[in-house]
Amino acid sequence: MASILVVDDEMGIRELLNEILTDEGHTVYAAESAIQARTIREQMRPDLVLLDIWMPDTDGITLLKEWSKTGQLTMPVVMMSGHATIDTAVEATRIGALNFLEKPIALQKLLKTVNKALELSPKYVEAEDAKPAQSSVPSSTAPRPALAETTSQAPAEGEYISGIAKTYFDLPLREARDLFEKAYFEHQMQMMGGSMTKISDYTGLERTHLYRKLKALGIDTSRNKGEQ
């Protein structure tokens, strides 16, 4: 997947974007200032930069101009701000920014913008083209893995309440349902390599709802970070 540099002086924004993008399988580098951003950009050569406009030392527009003038704007840059005007967004685009995200950043808008930006990232596209073709992830119309196979045949009479089934039947409805949902989503995380987008598409749950559901069930999504 891609390497993405997130530049924002707000720790909460950096941590949120890091969690979401890492869940998608990307490698995320975080910088809280233009100084750190310059160093990471030079050393890691990210495929994409998410750059905050308002920062205390050097603002994002100034850093964008610097990269443009020195020939370092070799990757797509998406600007972020919660207080920028239309003129600021237009100026950033004129300098070389690919797009603009307004804070608070909507989850679907973020992922859509990142995916579109990566399609225009020379380094990322070249790396993806070099990869061998892989089989596609099962779609919602494809046979469901494992679960469908294990439940395709009805158990013989007298064997129905056994094993896991008996465990569920011995519990109150709410507890049984929560246990089943946790097992189900942990299975999907394993099958989908931890990708929240793939799990969302497969289960039909909107991503924000999916995150809330996993958190409520006590499922740690960080254990699958970096997998795809």
Protein backbone atom coordinates (compact mmCIF):
# COMPACT_ATOMS: atom_id res chain seq x y z
CA MET A 1 0.00 0.00 0.00
CA ALA A 2 0.97 3.67 0.10
CA SER A 3 3.15 5.73 2.42
CA ILE A 4 1.34 8.86 3.60
CA LEU A 5 2.72 11.85 5.50
CA VAL A 6 0.23 13.60 7.80
CA VAL A 7 1.31 17.11 8.81
CA ASP A 8 -0.81 18.70 11.55
CA ASP A 9 0.02 20.44 14.82
CA GLU A 10 -3.04 18.90 16.52
CA MET A 11 -2.20 15.55 18.11
CA GLY A 12 -5.82 14.39 17.94
CA ILE A 13 -5.95 14.89 14.17
CA ARG A 14 -2.64 13.11 13.65
CA GLU A 15 -3.72 10.14 15.77
CA LEU A 16 -7.15 9.88 14.11
CA LEU A 17 -5.79 9.99 10.56
CA ASN A 18 -3.02 7.58 11.50
CA GLU A 19 -5.55 5.07 12.86
CA ILE A 20 -7.90 5.30 9.88
CA LEU A 21 -5.21 5.19 7.19
CA THR A 22 -3.23 2.45 8.91
CA ASP A 23 -6.41 0.38 9.10
CA GLU A 24 -6.54 0.73 5.32
CA GLY A 25 -3.10 -0.84 5.08
CA HIS A 26 -1.11 2.35 4.46
CA THR A 27 2.13 3.32 6.18
CA VAL A 28 1.61 6.63 7.95
CA TYR A 29 4.27 9.14 9.00
CA ALA A 30 3.21 11.98 11.30
CA ALA A 31 4.71 15.45 11.63
CA GLU A 32 3.57 18.21 13.97
CA SER A 33 5.51 21.00 12.27
CA ALA A 34 6.98 22.07 8.96
CA ILE A 35 10.45 21.24 10.29
CA GLN A 36 9.52 17.61 10.88
CA ALA A 37 7.62 17.49 7.59
CA ARG A 38 10.69 18.60 5.63
CA THR A 39 12.82 15.88 7.22
CA ILE A 40 10.28 13.09 6.69
CA ARG A 41 9.58 14.18 3.11
CA GLU A 42 13.31 14.08 2.33
CA GLN A 43 14.04 10.77 4.05
CA MET A 44 10.88 8.74 3.39
CA ARG A 45 9.67 10.19 0.07
CA PRO A 46 5.95 9.61 0.81
CA ASP A 47 3.42 8.83 -1.91
CA LEU A 48 1.01 11.44 -0.55
CA VAL A 49 1.01 14.34 1.92
CA LEU A 50 -1.98 15.52 3.97
CA LEU A 51 -0.95 19.06 4.96
CA ASP A 52 -2.64 21.32 7.50
CA ILE A 53 -2.80 24.99 6.53
CA TRP A 54 -2.62 26.61 9.96
CA MET A 55 0.50 25.65 11.93
CA PRO A 56 2.42 27.72 14.51
CA ASP A 57 5.90 27.91 12.99
CA THR A 58 5.51 27.68 9.23
CA ASP A 59 2.01 27.40 7.79
CA GLY A 60 1.05 24.81 5.19
CA ILE A 61 0.75 27.28 2.31
CA THR A 62 4.31 28.50 2.92
CA LEU A 63 5.62 24.92 3.05
CA LEU A 64 3.72 24.06 -0.13
CA LYS A 65 5.29 27.08 -1.89
CA GLU A 66 8.72 26.01 -0.66
CA TRP A 67 8.33 22.49 -2.05
CA SER A 68 7.01 23.87 -5.34
CA LYS A 69 9.89 26.32 -5.80
CA THR A 70 12.59 23.79 -4.92
CA GLY A 71 11.21 21.02 -7.15
CA GLN A 72 10.20 18.85 -4.18
CA LEU A 73 6.51 18.79 -5.04
CA THR A 74 6.90 15.35 -6.59
CA MET A 75 3.93 13.83 -4.70
CA PRO A 76 0.26 14.82 -4.45
CA VAL A 77 -0.53 17.19 -1.58
CA VAL A 78 -3.99 17.53 -0.05
CA MET A 79 -4.51 20.57 2.17
CA MET A 80 -6.54 20.43 5.39
CA SER A 81 -8.12 23.21 7.44
CA GLY A 82 -11.11 24.03 9.59
CA HIS A 83 -10.92 27.79 9.08
CA ALA A 84 -9.66 28.33 5.55
CA THR A 85 -11.51 30.57 3.12
CA ILE A 86 -12.29 29.79 -0.50
CA ASP A 87 -9.47 32.14 -1.53
CA THR A 88 -7.02 30.11 0.56
CA ALA A 89 -8.15 26.87 -1.04
CA VAL A 90 -7.87 28.40 -4.51
CA GLU A 91 -4.37 29.70 -3.72
CA ALA A 92 -3.26 26.26 -2.50
CA THR A 93 -4.58 24.67 -5.69
CA ARG A 94 -2.80 27.28 -7.80
CA ILE A 95 0.49 26.55 -6.04
CA GLY A 96 0.15 22.83 -6.66
CA ALA A 97 -2.15 21.24 -4.08
CA LEU A 98 -4.30 18.51 -5.54
CA ASN A 99 -7.33 18.88 -3.28
CA PHE A 100 -8.66 20.38 -0.07
CA LEU A 101 -10.26 18.73 2.98
CA GLU A 102 -12.33 20.77 5.39
CA LYS A 103 -12.21 19.90 9.10
CA PRO A 104 -13.86 18.10 10.75
CA ILE A 105 -12.97 15.61 8.04
CA ALA A 106 -15.74 13.21 7.04
CA LEU A 107 -14.52 9.61 6.93
CA GLN A 108 -15.83 8.73 3.47
CA LYS A 109 -14.59 12.05 2.07
CA LEU A 110 -11.12 11.36 3.47
CA LEU A 111 -10.87 7.87 1.98
CA LYS A 112 -12.25 8.96 -1.38
CA THR A 113 -9.83 11.89 -1.57
CA VAL A 114 -6.85 9.75 -0.54
CA ASN A 115 -7.65 7.03 -3.08
CA LYS A 116 -8.06 9.56 -5.89
CA ALA A 117 -4.83 11.34 -4.93
CA LEU A 118 -2.88 8.07 -4.92
CA GLU A 119 -4.05 7.39 -8.47
CA LEU A 120 -2.04 10.49 -9.42
CA SER A 121 1.02 9.66 -7.34
CA PRO A 122 3.84 8.62 -9.74
CA LYS A 123 5.79 6.66 -7.12
CA TYR A 124 2.72 4.82 -5.83
CA VAL A 125 1.30 4.01 -9.27
CA GLU A 126 4.68 2.70 -10.43
CA ALA A 127 4.94 0.46 -7.37
CA GLU A 128 1.39 -0.86 -7.84
CA ASP A 129 1.98 -1.61 -11.52
CA ALA A 130 5.02 -3.66 -10.57
CA LYS A 131 3.01 -5.93 -8.27
CA PRO A 132 1.78 -9.31 -9.55
CA ALA A 133 -1.95 -9.58 -10.09
CA GLN A 134 -3.89 -10.80 -7.06
CA SER A 135 -7.29 -12.37 -6.78
CA SER A 136 -10.04 -9.96 -5.88
CA VAL A 137 -11.71 -9.84 -2.48
CA PRO A 138 -15.01 -11.70 -2.35
CA SER A 139 -17.89 -9.37 -3.22
CA SER A 140 -21.25 -9.28 -1.51
CA THR A 141 -22.60 -11.57 -4.24
CA ALA A 142 -19.87 -14.17 -3.84
CA PRO A 143 -20.33 -17.19 -1.54
CA ARG A 144 -19.56 -16.25 2.02
CA PRO A 145 -16.38 -17.93 3.26
CA ALA A 146 -16.21 -20.35 6.19
CA LEU A 147 -19.50 -19.35 7.79
CA ALA A 148 -21.59 -20.47 4.81
CA GLU A 149 -19.59 -23.69 4.53
CA THR A 150 -20.00 -24.66 8.17
CA THR A 151 -23.75 -23.96 8.19
CA SER A 152 -24.66 -25.30 4.74
CA GLN A 153 -25.75 -28.67 6.14
CA ALA A 154 -28.18 -29.03 9.01
CA PRO A 155 -26.84 -31.11 11.92
CA ALA A 156 -28.45 -34.42 12.71
CA GLU A 157 -31.30 -34.46 15.20
CA GLY A 158 -29.97 -34.52 18.75
CA GLU A 159 -26.71 -32.85 17.73
CA TYR A 160 -28.11 -29.37 17.18
CA ILE A 161 -27.48 -28.11 20.72
CA SER A 162 -23.82 -28.89 20.95
CA GLY A 163 -20.44 -27.18 20.98
CA ILE A 164 -20.62 -23.46 20.31
CA ALA A 165 -24.37 -23.57 19.72
CA LYS A 166 -24.96 -24.88 23.22
CA THR A 167 -22.70 -22.16 24.61
CA TYR A 168 -24.83 -19.49 22.95
CA PHE A 169 -28.14 -21.11 23.95
CA ASP A 170 -27.11 -21.20 27.61
CA LEU A 171 -26.64 -17.41 27.68
CA PRO A 172 -29.11 -14.52 27.83
CA LEU A 173 -30.04 -13.21 24.37
CA ARG A 174 -27.98 -10.01 24.59
CA GLU A 175 -24.83 -11.81 25.72
CA ALA A 176 -25.23 -14.55 23.08
CA ARG A 177 -25.73 -11.95 20.36
CA ASP A 178 -22.69 -9.93 21.44
CA LEU A 179 -20.51 -13.05 21.52
CA PHE A 180 -21.65 -14.08 18.07
CA GLU A 181 -21.14 -10.59 16.62
CA LYS A 182 -17.66 -10.38 18.12
CA ALA A 183 -16.71 -13.76 16.68
CA TYR A 184 -18.22 -12.79 13.33
CA PHE A 185 -16.36 -9.48 13.02
CA GLU A 186 -13.08 -10.96 14.24
CA HIS A 187 -13.47 -13.59 11.52
CA GLN A 188 -14.13 -10.91 8.90
CA MET A 189 -11.10 -8.90 10.05
CA GLN A 190 -8.95 -11.97 9.57
CA MET A 191 -10.46 -12.77 6.17
CA MET A 192 -10.17 -9.16 4.93
CA GLY A 193 -6.70 -8.54 6.30
CA GLY A 194 -7.96 -5.88 8.71
CA SER A 195 -9.20 -3.50 5.97
CA MET A 196 -12.12 -1.48 7.32
CA THR A 197 -13.21 -0.58 3.78
CA LYS A 198 -13.46 -4.22 2.70
CA ILE A 199 -15.28 -5.23 5.89
CA SER A 200 -17.65 -2.29 5.46
CA ASP A 201 -18.42 -3.26 1.86
CA TYR A 202 -18.79 -6.94 2.71
CA THR A 203 -21.07 -6.50 5.73
CA GLY A 204 -23.02 -3.55 4.36
CA LEU A 205 -22.23 -1.39 7.40
CA GLU A 206 -21.25 2.25 6.93
CA ARG A 207 -17.68 2.76 8.17
CA THR A 208 -18.55 5.09 11.05
CA HIS A 209 -21.16 2.59 12.27
CA LEU A 210 -18.64 -0.22 11.81
CA TYR A 211 -16.02 1.54 13.96
CA ARG A 212 -18.59 2.12 16.70
CA LYS A 213 -19.72 -1.50 16.50
CA LEU A 214 -16.17 -2.88 16.81
CA LYS A 215 -15.38 -0.56 19.70
CA ALA A 216 -18.58 -1.55 21.53
CA LEU A 217 -17.69 -5.23 21.08
CA GLY A 218 -14.20 -4.65 22.48
CA ILE A 219 -12.42 -5.59 19.25
CA ASP A 220 -8.92 -4.14 18.94
CA THR A 221 -8.46 -3.11 15.29
CA SER A 222 -4.82 -2.15 15.87
CA ARG A 223 -3.67 -5.78 15.83
CA ASN A 224 -4.39 -5.97 12.09
CA LYS A 225 -2.74 -2.66 11.19
CA GLY A 226 -0.47 -2.79 8.20
CA GLU A 227 -2.06 -5.98 6.84
CA GLN A 228 -3.95 -6.04 3.56
